[in-house]
N, C-alpha and C. Protein backbone atom coordinates (compact mmCIF):
# COMPACT_ATOMS: atom_id res chain seq x y z
N UNK A 1 -245.60 149.20 73.02
CA UNK A 1 -244.32 149.07 72.33
C UNK A 1 -244.20 147.72 71.62
N UNK A 2 -244.54 146.63 72.30
CA UNK A 2 -244.45 145.31 71.71
C UNK A 2 -245.34 145.21 70.47
N UNK A 3 -246.53 145.79 70.55
CA UNK A 3 -247.43 145.75 69.41
C UNK A 3 -246.83 146.50 68.22
N UNK A 4 -246.14 147.60 68.49
CA UNK A 4 -245.48 148.35 67.41
C UNK A 4 -244.38 147.51 66.76
N UNK A 5 -243.65 146.77 67.58
CA UNK A 5 -242.59 145.90 67.06
C UNK A 5 -243.20 144.84 66.14
N UNK A 6 -244.26 144.22 66.59
CA UNK A 6 -244.91 143.17 65.79
C UNK A 6 -245.48 143.74 64.49
N UNK A 7 -246.02 144.94 64.55
CA UNK A 7 -246.61 145.55 63.35
C UNK A 7 -245.56 145.95 62.32
N UNK A 8 -244.30 146.09 62.75
CA UNK A 8 -243.23 146.46 61.82
C UNK A 8 -242.66 145.27 61.07
N UNK A 9 -243.03 144.06 61.47
CA UNK A 9 -242.52 142.86 60.78
C UNK A 9 -243.26 142.72 59.46
N UNK A 10 -242.49 142.71 58.38
CA UNK A 10 -243.08 142.67 57.05
C UNK A 10 -242.97 141.28 56.44
N UNK A 11 -243.91 140.97 55.57
CA UNK A 11 -243.85 139.73 54.81
C UNK A 11 -242.73 139.82 53.79
N UNK A 12 -242.22 138.67 53.37
CA UNK A 12 -241.18 138.67 52.35
C UNK A 12 -241.78 139.08 51.00
N UNK A 13 -240.93 139.49 50.09
CA UNK A 13 -241.32 139.94 48.76
C UNK A 13 -241.34 138.73 47.82
N UNK A 14 -242.53 138.21 47.57
CA UNK A 14 -242.65 137.01 46.73
C UNK A 14 -242.30 137.29 45.28
N UNK A 15 -242.54 138.51 44.81
CA UNK A 15 -242.16 138.85 43.44
C UNK A 15 -240.64 138.80 43.27
N UNK A 16 -239.92 139.37 44.21
CA UNK A 16 -238.45 139.32 44.16
C UNK A 16 -237.97 137.89 44.27
N UNK A 17 -238.64 137.11 45.11
CA UNK A 17 -238.28 135.71 45.26
C UNK A 17 -238.43 134.96 43.93
N UNK A 18 -239.54 135.18 43.25
CA UNK A 18 -239.78 134.51 41.97
C UNK A 18 -238.79 134.97 40.91
N UNK A 19 -238.45 136.25 40.91
CA UNK A 19 -237.46 136.75 39.95
C UNK A 19 -236.10 136.11 40.21
N UNK A 20 -235.76 135.91 41.50
CA UNK A 20 -234.48 135.28 41.85
C UNK A 20 -234.46 133.82 41.40
N UNK A 21 -235.59 133.14 41.52
CA UNK A 21 -235.67 131.74 41.07
C UNK A 21 -235.46 131.68 39.56
N UNK A 22 -236.10 132.59 38.85
CA UNK A 22 -235.95 132.61 37.38
C UNK A 22 -234.51 132.96 37.00
N UNK A 23 -233.90 133.85 37.76
CA UNK A 23 -232.51 134.23 37.49
C UNK A 23 -231.58 133.03 37.64
N UNK A 24 -231.81 132.21 38.65
CA UNK A 24 -230.99 131.01 38.84
C UNK A 24 -231.05 130.11 37.61
N UNK A 25 -232.20 130.08 36.95
CA UNK A 25 -232.38 129.17 35.80
C UNK A 25 -231.57 129.58 34.59
N UNK A 26 -231.20 130.87 34.48
CA UNK A 26 -230.50 131.33 33.29
C UNK A 26 -229.00 131.54 33.53
N UNK A 27 -228.54 131.33 34.75
CA UNK A 27 -227.11 131.46 35.02
C UNK A 27 -226.35 130.30 34.38
N UNK A 28 -225.10 130.54 34.01
CA UNK A 28 -224.29 129.52 33.34
C UNK A 28 -223.74 128.54 34.36
N UNK A 29 -224.56 127.57 34.69
CA UNK A 29 -224.20 126.51 35.65
C UNK A 29 -225.29 125.45 35.60
N UNK A 30 -224.97 124.25 36.00
CA UNK A 30 -226.02 123.24 36.09
C UNK A 30 -227.04 123.61 37.17
N UNK A 31 -228.29 123.28 36.95
CA UNK A 31 -229.34 123.56 37.93
C UNK A 31 -229.00 122.93 39.27
N UNK A 32 -229.04 123.73 40.31
CA UNK A 32 -228.77 123.23 41.65
C UNK A 32 -227.31 123.03 41.97
N UNK A 33 -226.40 123.45 41.09
CA UNK A 33 -224.98 123.20 41.30
C UNK A 33 -224.42 123.89 42.54
N UNK A 34 -225.03 124.97 42.95
CA UNK A 34 -224.54 125.69 44.12
C UNK A 34 -225.22 125.26 45.42
N UNK A 35 -226.06 124.24 45.33
CA UNK A 35 -226.68 123.67 46.52
C UNK A 35 -227.43 124.68 47.36
N UNK A 36 -227.13 124.68 48.66
CA UNK A 36 -227.84 125.55 49.60
C UNK A 36 -227.61 127.03 49.31
N UNK A 37 -226.51 127.37 48.64
CA UNK A 37 -226.26 128.78 48.31
C UNK A 37 -227.36 129.32 47.41
N UNK A 38 -227.88 128.48 46.52
CA UNK A 38 -228.97 128.93 45.65
C UNK A 38 -230.22 129.24 46.47
N UNK A 39 -230.54 128.36 47.38
CA UNK A 39 -231.71 128.59 48.25
C UNK A 39 -231.52 129.85 49.09
N UNK A 40 -230.29 130.03 49.57
CA UNK A 40 -230.00 131.21 50.37
C UNK A 40 -230.15 132.48 49.54
N UNK A 41 -229.66 132.46 48.31
CA UNK A 41 -229.75 133.65 47.47
C UNK A 41 -231.21 134.01 47.18
N UNK A 42 -232.04 132.99 46.99
CA UNK A 42 -233.47 133.23 46.74
C UNK A 42 -234.12 133.79 48.00
N UNK A 43 -233.76 133.24 49.15
CA UNK A 43 -234.31 133.72 50.42
C UNK A 43 -233.92 135.18 50.66
N UNK A 44 -232.65 135.49 50.42
CA UNK A 44 -232.20 136.87 50.60
C UNK A 44 -232.92 137.81 49.64
N UNK A 45 -233.16 137.36 48.43
CA UNK A 45 -233.89 138.18 47.47
C UNK A 45 -235.28 138.52 48.00
N UNK A 46 -235.94 137.54 48.59
CA UNK A 46 -237.29 137.77 49.12
C UNK A 46 -237.26 138.72 50.31
N UNK A 47 -236.19 138.70 51.08
CA UNK A 47 -236.08 139.57 52.25
C UNK A 47 -235.73 141.00 51.86
N UNK A 48 -234.78 141.14 50.91
CA UNK A 48 -234.31 142.48 50.53
C UNK A 48 -235.13 143.10 49.41
N UNK A 49 -236.02 142.31 48.78
CA UNK A 49 -236.88 142.86 47.75
C UNK A 49 -236.20 143.09 46.42
N UNK A 50 -235.15 142.32 46.15
CA UNK A 50 -234.42 142.44 44.89
C UNK A 50 -233.88 141.08 44.51
N UNK A 51 -233.96 140.75 43.21
CA UNK A 51 -233.43 139.44 42.79
C UNK A 51 -231.90 139.39 42.86
N UNK A 52 -231.27 140.57 43.00
CA UNK A 52 -229.82 140.64 43.15
C UNK A 52 -229.49 141.47 44.39
N UNK A 53 -229.79 140.94 45.58
CA UNK A 53 -229.55 141.71 46.80
C UNK A 53 -228.06 141.96 47.02
N UNK A 54 -227.76 143.07 47.67
CA UNK A 54 -226.38 143.44 47.94
C UNK A 54 -226.25 143.89 49.39
N UNK A 55 -226.45 142.97 50.34
CA UNK A 55 -226.40 143.36 51.76
C UNK A 55 -225.01 143.82 52.16
N UNK A 56 -225.00 144.77 53.08
CA UNK A 56 -223.75 145.36 53.54
C UNK A 56 -223.64 145.24 55.06
N UNK A 57 -222.61 144.61 55.51
CA UNK A 57 -222.32 144.60 56.94
C UNK A 57 -223.11 143.59 57.74
N UNK A 58 -222.47 143.05 58.76
CA UNK A 58 -223.10 142.07 59.65
C UNK A 58 -222.68 142.35 61.08
N UNK A 59 -223.56 142.02 62.00
CA UNK A 59 -223.27 142.16 63.42
C UNK A 59 -223.82 140.94 64.15
N UNK A 60 -223.07 140.49 65.12
CA UNK A 60 -223.49 139.38 65.97
C UNK A 60 -223.90 139.96 67.32
N UNK A 61 -225.08 139.58 67.78
CA UNK A 61 -225.55 139.99 69.10
C UNK A 61 -225.74 138.73 69.94
N UNK A 62 -224.92 138.57 70.94
CA UNK A 62 -225.02 137.41 71.84
C UNK A 62 -225.78 137.85 73.08
N UNK A 63 -226.98 137.32 73.25
CA UNK A 63 -227.80 137.64 74.42
C UNK A 63 -227.43 136.67 75.54
N UNK A 64 -227.00 137.20 76.66
CA UNK A 64 -226.52 136.36 77.75
C UNK A 64 -227.45 136.46 78.96
N UNK A 65 -227.71 135.31 79.55
CA UNK A 65 -228.54 135.27 80.74
C UNK A 65 -228.44 133.93 81.42
N UNK A 66 -228.63 133.91 82.71
CA UNK A 66 -228.58 132.66 83.47
C UNK A 66 -229.98 132.08 83.65
N UNK A 67 -230.02 130.78 83.94
CA UNK A 67 -231.27 130.06 84.10
C UNK A 67 -231.20 129.28 85.41
N UNK A 68 -232.08 129.60 86.35
CA UNK A 68 -232.05 128.94 87.66
C UNK A 68 -232.35 127.45 87.55
N UNK A 69 -232.93 127.01 86.44
CA UNK A 69 -233.19 125.58 86.27
C UNK A 69 -231.88 124.79 86.21
N UNK A 70 -230.77 125.47 85.99
CA UNK A 70 -229.47 124.80 86.01
C UNK A 70 -229.20 124.15 87.36
N UNK A 71 -229.83 124.68 88.40
CA UNK A 71 -229.67 124.10 89.74
C UNK A 71 -230.25 122.70 89.84
N UNK A 72 -231.06 122.30 88.84
CA UNK A 72 -231.66 120.96 88.83
C UNK A 72 -230.73 119.94 88.19
N UNK A 73 -229.52 120.33 87.84
CA UNK A 73 -228.56 119.39 87.26
C UNK A 73 -228.82 119.06 85.80
N UNK A 74 -229.42 119.99 85.06
CA UNK A 74 -229.76 119.73 83.66
C UNK A 74 -228.58 119.98 82.71
N UNK A 75 -227.50 120.53 83.22
CA UNK A 75 -226.35 120.84 82.37
C UNK A 75 -225.11 120.11 82.85
N UNK A 76 -224.21 119.86 81.91
CA UNK A 76 -222.94 119.23 82.26
C UNK A 76 -221.97 120.23 82.88
N UNK A 77 -222.33 121.51 82.86
CA UNK A 77 -221.42 122.55 83.34
C UNK A 77 -222.07 123.35 84.45
N UNK A 78 -221.29 123.89 85.37
CA UNK A 78 -221.85 124.72 86.45
C UNK A 78 -222.28 126.08 85.92
N UNK A 79 -223.19 126.71 86.64
CA UNK A 79 -223.74 127.99 86.21
C UNK A 79 -222.68 129.08 86.07
N UNK A 80 -221.61 128.99 86.82
CA UNK A 80 -220.55 130.00 86.77
C UNK A 80 -219.92 130.10 85.38
N UNK A 81 -220.08 129.07 84.56
CA UNK A 81 -219.49 129.08 83.22
C UNK A 81 -220.11 130.18 82.35
N UNK A 82 -221.36 130.54 82.63
CA UNK A 82 -221.99 131.62 81.86
C UNK A 82 -221.15 132.88 81.93
N UNK A 83 -220.79 133.28 83.14
CA UNK A 83 -219.99 134.49 83.32
C UNK A 83 -218.64 134.35 82.64
N UNK A 84 -218.03 133.18 82.77
CA UNK A 84 -216.73 132.94 82.14
C UNK A 84 -216.81 133.06 80.62
N UNK A 85 -217.86 132.51 80.04
CA UNK A 85 -218.03 132.60 78.59
C UNK A 85 -218.28 134.04 78.14
N UNK A 86 -219.05 134.77 78.91
CA UNK A 86 -219.30 136.18 78.57
C UNK A 86 -217.99 136.95 78.53
N UNK A 87 -217.12 136.74 79.53
CA UNK A 87 -215.82 137.40 79.53
C UNK A 87 -215.00 136.98 78.30
N UNK A 88 -215.14 135.72 77.90
CA UNK A 88 -214.43 135.23 76.73
C UNK A 88 -214.94 135.92 75.46
N UNK A 89 -216.26 136.09 75.35
CA UNK A 89 -216.81 136.82 74.21
C UNK A 89 -216.28 138.25 74.17
N UNK A 90 -216.28 138.89 75.34
CA UNK A 90 -215.87 140.29 75.42
C UNK A 90 -214.40 140.48 75.09
N UNK A 91 -213.58 139.46 75.38
CA UNK A 91 -212.14 139.57 75.09
C UNK A 91 -211.80 139.07 73.69
N UNK A 92 -212.82 138.56 72.96
CA UNK A 92 -212.58 138.12 71.59
C UNK A 92 -212.03 136.72 71.46
N UNK A 93 -212.13 135.91 72.52
CA UNK A 93 -211.49 134.60 72.51
C UNK A 93 -212.39 133.41 72.24
N UNK A 94 -213.67 133.63 71.96
CA UNK A 94 -214.60 132.51 71.76
C UNK A 94 -214.73 132.17 70.28
N UNK A 95 -215.32 131.01 70.02
CA UNK A 95 -215.51 130.56 68.63
C UNK A 95 -216.33 131.56 67.84
N UNK A 96 -217.35 132.15 68.47
CA UNK A 96 -218.18 133.12 67.75
C UNK A 96 -217.36 134.33 67.31
N UNK A 97 -216.38 134.72 68.12
CA UNK A 97 -215.51 135.84 67.75
C UNK A 97 -214.66 135.49 66.53
N UNK A 98 -214.13 134.26 66.51
CA UNK A 98 -213.31 133.83 65.38
C UNK A 98 -214.13 133.78 64.10
N UNK A 99 -215.33 133.24 64.18
CA UNK A 99 -216.20 133.17 63.00
C UNK A 99 -216.59 134.57 62.53
N UNK A 100 -216.88 135.44 63.49
CA UNK A 100 -217.27 136.82 63.14
C UNK A 100 -216.12 137.54 62.44
N UNK A 101 -214.90 137.32 62.90
CA UNK A 101 -213.75 137.97 62.27
C UNK A 101 -213.61 137.57 60.81
N UNK A 102 -213.93 136.32 60.50
CA UNK A 102 -213.81 135.83 59.12
C UNK A 102 -214.71 136.62 58.17
N UNK A 103 -215.90 136.98 58.64
CA UNK A 103 -216.84 137.70 57.78
C UNK A 103 -216.89 139.20 58.07
N UNK A 104 -215.99 139.66 58.93
CA UNK A 104 -215.92 141.09 59.21
C UNK A 104 -217.08 141.61 60.05
N UNK A 105 -217.64 140.76 60.89
CA UNK A 105 -218.76 141.17 61.74
C UNK A 105 -218.26 141.49 63.14
N UNK A 106 -218.86 142.48 63.76
CA UNK A 106 -218.50 142.77 65.14
C UNK A 106 -219.42 141.96 66.07
N UNK A 107 -218.93 141.66 67.25
CA UNK A 107 -219.69 140.89 68.24
C UNK A 107 -220.02 141.80 69.41
N UNK A 108 -221.30 141.87 69.72
CA UNK A 108 -221.77 142.63 70.88
C UNK A 108 -222.46 141.66 71.82
N UNK A 109 -222.17 141.79 73.09
CA UNK A 109 -222.83 140.97 74.11
C UNK A 109 -223.91 141.82 74.77
N UNK A 110 -225.12 141.29 74.80
CA UNK A 110 -226.23 141.94 75.50
C UNK A 110 -226.46 141.18 76.80
N UNK A 111 -226.12 141.80 77.91
CA UNK A 111 -226.39 141.19 79.21
C UNK A 111 -227.86 141.40 79.52
N UNK A 112 -228.65 140.37 79.22
CA UNK A 112 -230.09 140.46 79.46
C UNK A 112 -230.47 139.88 80.81
N UNK A 113 -229.54 139.15 81.46
CA UNK A 113 -229.88 138.58 82.74
C UNK A 113 -228.84 137.65 83.32
N UNK A 114 -227.58 138.04 83.24
CA UNK A 114 -226.51 137.23 83.84
C UNK A 114 -226.52 137.44 85.35
N UNK A 115 -226.32 136.34 86.08
CA UNK A 115 -226.20 136.46 87.54
C UNK A 115 -224.80 136.94 87.86
N UNK A 116 -224.69 138.03 88.58
CA UNK A 116 -223.39 138.61 88.88
C UNK A 116 -223.23 139.94 88.17
N UNK A 117 -222.15 140.61 88.49
CA UNK A 117 -221.91 141.95 87.96
C UNK A 117 -220.90 141.91 86.83
N UNK A 118 -221.25 142.55 85.72
CA UNK A 118 -220.33 142.68 84.60
C UNK A 118 -219.86 144.13 84.51
N UNK A 119 -218.54 144.30 84.47
CA UNK A 119 -218.00 145.65 84.32
C UNK A 119 -218.28 146.14 82.90
N UNK A 120 -218.52 147.43 82.75
CA UNK A 120 -218.79 148.00 81.44
C UNK A 120 -217.63 147.72 80.49
N UNK A 121 -217.97 147.44 79.25
CA UNK A 121 -216.97 147.20 78.20
C UNK A 121 -217.52 147.77 76.91
N UNK A 122 -216.61 148.04 75.97
CA UNK A 122 -216.99 148.67 74.71
C UNK A 122 -218.02 147.84 73.95
N UNK A 123 -217.87 146.53 73.97
CA UNK A 123 -218.76 145.65 73.20
C UNK A 123 -219.80 144.96 74.09
N UNK A 124 -220.16 145.61 75.20
CA UNK A 124 -221.15 145.07 76.13
C UNK A 124 -222.30 146.06 76.30
N UNK A 125 -223.51 145.55 76.16
CA UNK A 125 -224.70 146.32 76.51
C UNK A 125 -225.20 145.73 77.81
N UNK A 126 -225.05 146.47 78.89
CA UNK A 126 -225.28 145.96 80.24
C UNK A 126 -226.67 146.38 80.72
N UNK A 127 -227.70 145.63 80.30
CA UNK A 127 -229.07 146.03 80.62
C UNK A 127 -229.89 144.82 81.12
N UNK A 128 -229.46 144.16 82.18
CA UNK A 128 -230.19 142.96 82.62
C UNK A 128 -231.63 143.25 83.01
N UNK A 129 -232.53 142.41 82.51
CA UNK A 129 -233.95 142.50 82.87
C UNK A 129 -234.12 142.03 84.31
N UNK A 130 -233.39 140.99 84.66
CA UNK A 130 -233.33 140.49 86.03
C UNK A 130 -232.07 139.66 86.15
N UNK A 131 -231.66 139.33 87.35
CA UNK A 131 -230.44 138.55 87.57
C UNK A 131 -230.75 137.06 87.42
N UNK A 132 -230.88 136.63 86.20
CA UNK A 132 -231.16 135.22 85.92
C UNK A 132 -232.65 134.93 85.94
N UNK A 133 -233.06 134.05 85.03
CA UNK A 133 -234.46 133.62 85.01
C UNK A 133 -234.72 132.68 86.19
N UNK A 134 -235.97 132.62 86.61
CA UNK A 134 -236.33 131.75 87.73
C UNK A 134 -236.32 130.29 87.27
N UNK A 135 -236.37 129.38 88.23
CA UNK A 135 -236.34 127.94 87.97
C UNK A 135 -237.67 127.47 87.39
N UNK A 136 -237.68 127.11 86.11
CA UNK A 136 -238.94 126.75 85.46
C UNK A 136 -239.53 125.43 85.98
N UNK A 137 -238.75 124.68 86.75
CA UNK A 137 -239.32 123.49 87.36
C UNK A 137 -240.30 123.88 88.47
N UNK A 138 -240.08 125.06 89.05
CA UNK A 138 -240.86 125.48 90.21
C UNK A 138 -241.83 126.62 89.93
N UNK A 139 -241.51 127.45 88.95
CA UNK A 139 -242.33 128.64 88.69
C UNK A 139 -242.02 129.19 87.30
N UNK A 140 -242.75 130.19 86.89
CA UNK A 140 -242.49 130.84 85.60
C UNK A 140 -241.10 131.47 85.62
N UNK A 141 -240.39 131.34 84.51
CA UNK A 141 -239.04 131.89 84.41
C UNK A 141 -239.03 133.41 84.56
N UNK A 142 -240.05 134.05 83.98
CA UNK A 142 -240.17 135.51 84.05
C UNK A 142 -241.64 135.86 84.16
N UNK A 143 -241.90 137.05 84.65
CA UNK A 143 -243.26 137.56 84.59
C UNK A 143 -243.53 137.98 83.15
N UNK A 144 -244.78 138.19 82.82
CA UNK A 144 -245.11 138.64 81.47
C UNK A 144 -244.44 139.99 81.19
N UNK A 145 -244.45 140.86 82.18
CA UNK A 145 -243.83 142.18 82.01
C UNK A 145 -242.33 142.06 81.74
N UNK A 146 -241.66 141.15 82.46
CA UNK A 146 -240.22 140.94 82.23
C UNK A 146 -239.97 140.37 80.84
N UNK A 147 -240.82 139.47 80.40
CA UNK A 147 -240.69 138.88 79.07
C UNK A 147 -240.82 139.96 77.99
N UNK A 148 -241.82 140.80 78.12
CA UNK A 148 -242.02 141.89 77.15
C UNK A 148 -240.83 142.83 77.19
N UNK A 149 -240.34 143.13 78.39
CA UNK A 149 -239.18 144.01 78.53
C UNK A 149 -237.97 143.43 77.79
N UNK A 150 -237.76 142.12 77.91
CA UNK A 150 -236.63 141.46 77.26
C UNK A 150 -236.77 141.53 75.73
N UNK A 151 -237.97 141.29 75.24
CA UNK A 151 -238.21 141.36 73.79
C UNK A 151 -237.96 142.77 73.28
N UNK A 152 -238.48 143.75 74.01
CA UNK A 152 -238.30 145.14 73.60
C UNK A 152 -236.83 145.55 73.65
N UNK A 153 -236.11 145.04 74.63
CA UNK A 153 -234.68 145.32 74.72
C UNK A 153 -233.95 144.77 73.50
N UNK A 154 -234.27 143.53 73.13
CA UNK A 154 -233.65 142.93 71.95
C UNK A 154 -233.94 143.73 70.69
N UNK A 155 -235.18 144.17 70.56
CA UNK A 155 -235.57 144.97 69.39
C UNK A 155 -234.82 146.30 69.37
N UNK A 156 -234.65 146.91 70.53
CA UNK A 156 -233.92 148.18 70.62
C UNK A 156 -232.47 148.02 70.18
N UNK A 157 -231.85 146.95 70.63
CA UNK A 157 -230.45 146.69 70.26
C UNK A 157 -230.35 146.41 68.76
N UNK A 158 -231.29 145.65 68.22
CA UNK A 158 -231.30 145.37 66.78
C UNK A 158 -231.43 146.66 65.98
N UNK A 159 -232.35 147.53 66.39
CA UNK A 159 -232.53 148.80 65.67
C UNK A 159 -231.27 149.65 65.70
N UNK A 160 -230.57 149.63 66.83
CA UNK A 160 -229.32 150.40 66.95
C UNK A 160 -228.27 149.88 65.98
N UNK A 161 -228.19 148.57 65.83
CA UNK A 161 -227.22 147.98 64.89
C UNK A 161 -227.59 148.34 63.46
N UNK A 162 -228.87 148.26 63.13
CA UNK A 162 -229.34 148.60 61.79
C UNK A 162 -229.03 150.06 61.47
N UNK A 163 -229.19 150.92 62.47
CA UNK A 163 -228.91 152.34 62.28
C UNK A 163 -227.43 152.59 61.97
N UNK A 164 -226.57 151.66 62.37
CA UNK A 164 -225.14 151.77 62.07
C UNK A 164 -224.80 151.24 60.68
N UNK A 165 -225.82 150.80 59.94
CA UNK A 165 -225.60 150.35 58.57
C UNK A 165 -225.51 148.86 58.38
N UNK A 166 -225.89 148.10 59.38
CA UNK A 166 -225.82 146.64 59.30
C UNK A 166 -227.06 146.08 58.61
N UNK A 167 -226.87 145.18 57.66
CA UNK A 167 -227.99 144.53 56.99
C UNK A 167 -228.26 143.12 57.53
N UNK A 168 -227.23 142.50 58.10
CA UNK A 168 -227.38 141.16 58.67
C UNK A 168 -227.22 141.22 60.18
N UNK A 169 -228.20 140.73 60.89
CA UNK A 169 -228.11 140.59 62.34
C UNK A 169 -228.07 139.10 62.65
N UNK A 170 -227.03 138.68 63.33
CA UNK A 170 -226.86 137.28 63.69
C UNK A 170 -227.08 137.17 65.19
N UNK A 171 -228.18 136.55 65.57
CA UNK A 171 -228.53 136.46 67.00
C UNK A 171 -227.96 135.18 67.59
N UNK A 172 -227.42 135.31 68.78
CA UNK A 172 -226.92 134.16 69.52
C UNK A 172 -227.31 134.30 70.97
N UNK A 173 -227.06 133.25 71.75
CA UNK A 173 -227.37 133.33 73.17
C UNK A 173 -226.40 132.48 73.96
N UNK A 174 -226.24 132.83 75.23
CA UNK A 174 -225.36 132.09 76.12
C UNK A 174 -225.97 132.08 77.51
N UNK A 175 -225.99 130.91 78.09
CA UNK A 175 -226.46 130.78 79.46
C UNK A 175 -226.53 129.31 79.83
N UNK A 176 -225.75 128.90 80.80
CA UNK A 176 -225.76 127.49 81.20
C UNK A 176 -227.17 127.08 81.60
N UNK A 177 -227.60 125.93 81.11
CA UNK A 177 -228.96 125.45 81.35
C UNK A 177 -229.93 125.89 80.26
N UNK A 178 -229.42 126.59 79.24
CA UNK A 178 -230.29 127.20 78.22
C UNK A 178 -231.08 126.19 77.38
N UNK A 179 -230.56 124.98 77.22
CA UNK A 179 -231.29 124.02 76.38
C UNK A 179 -232.58 123.55 77.03
N UNK A 180 -232.67 123.64 78.35
CA UNK A 180 -233.90 123.21 79.02
C UNK A 180 -235.07 124.17 78.73
N UNK A 181 -234.92 125.48 78.94
CA UNK A 181 -236.02 126.37 78.53
C UNK A 181 -236.25 126.35 77.02
N UNK A 182 -235.18 126.17 76.24
CA UNK A 182 -235.35 126.09 74.78
C UNK A 182 -236.22 124.89 74.41
N UNK A 183 -235.96 123.75 75.05
CA UNK A 183 -236.77 122.56 74.79
C UNK A 183 -238.20 122.75 75.26
N UNK A 184 -238.37 123.40 76.40
CA UNK A 184 -239.71 123.65 76.93
C UNK A 184 -240.50 124.55 75.99
N UNK A 185 -239.86 125.60 75.49
CA UNK A 185 -240.53 126.51 74.56
C UNK A 185 -240.87 125.80 73.25
N UNK A 186 -239.92 125.01 72.76
CA UNK A 186 -240.17 124.28 71.51
C UNK A 186 -241.36 123.35 71.67
N UNK A 187 -241.38 122.59 72.77
CA UNK A 187 -242.49 121.66 73.01
C UNK A 187 -243.82 122.40 73.10
N UNK A 188 -243.81 123.53 73.79
CA UNK A 188 -245.05 124.29 73.96
C UNK A 188 -245.53 124.92 72.65
N UNK A 189 -244.61 125.55 71.94
CA UNK A 189 -244.99 126.25 70.71
C UNK A 189 -245.42 125.29 69.61
N UNK A 190 -244.81 124.10 69.58
CA UNK A 190 -245.14 123.11 68.55
C UNK A 190 -246.12 122.05 69.04
N UNK A 191 -246.58 122.22 70.29
CA UNK A 191 -247.54 121.27 70.87
C UNK A 191 -247.03 119.84 70.82
N UNK A 192 -245.79 119.65 71.29
CA UNK A 192 -245.14 118.34 71.27
C UNK A 192 -244.95 117.84 72.69
N UNK A 193 -244.85 116.53 72.84
CA UNK A 193 -244.46 115.95 74.12
C UNK A 193 -243.01 116.34 74.40
N UNK A 194 -242.70 116.55 75.67
CA UNK A 194 -241.35 116.97 76.04
C UNK A 194 -240.31 115.98 75.53
N UNK A 195 -240.60 114.69 75.61
CA UNK A 195 -239.61 113.69 75.19
C UNK A 195 -239.29 113.77 73.70
N UNK A 196 -240.12 114.46 72.93
CA UNK A 196 -239.87 114.61 71.50
C UNK A 196 -238.81 115.64 71.20
N UNK A 197 -238.50 116.50 72.17
CA UNK A 197 -237.56 117.59 71.90
C UNK A 197 -236.36 117.61 72.85
N UNK A 198 -236.24 116.61 73.70
CA UNK A 198 -235.15 116.65 74.67
C UNK A 198 -234.67 115.24 75.00
N UNK A 199 -233.51 115.20 75.66
CA UNK A 199 -232.96 113.95 76.14
C UNK A 199 -233.41 113.70 77.56
N UNK A 200 -232.47 113.31 78.41
CA UNK A 200 -232.84 112.94 79.78
C UNK A 200 -233.47 114.10 80.51
């Protein structure tokens, strides 16, 4: 399954990208006047395969999970805050919900590994791979099989959103202690010293 997911990832359309760059040059405005919006429009052209892309619909998927490394005191907040924030997302009271409302995007929470029980809700996909990742100070956060399962779960949720007509998927995550595994992954993937990607 994972290999099928990887094989479905397509390269961007460089021809569409080049056409979008040329289109920017003939628009009635000073070159670069729209700043990052110009770069974004060119990037979207390369993704959608058209110099004038017209994406429809957006969805936010917040993947939630706990990290046992939080027990090492790496966060300013207790682990229980993860559950509290998830409830806030589900009730529409978090910053991500406010931002999503502005652009007309719906917010779905994917419980990929929150410690504790979440009651079913309309905007909740309750499919935990495990009840929180293990403490990476002491052992691997997940087995390889669990990691693959989590990736496949994310892909399944993404495909379901696309099937509903969404062109933009906005991925987010929530879990107290999350910056520690994020820093560890960044250091490993970029072959950097840990101190280059983290604080204390």
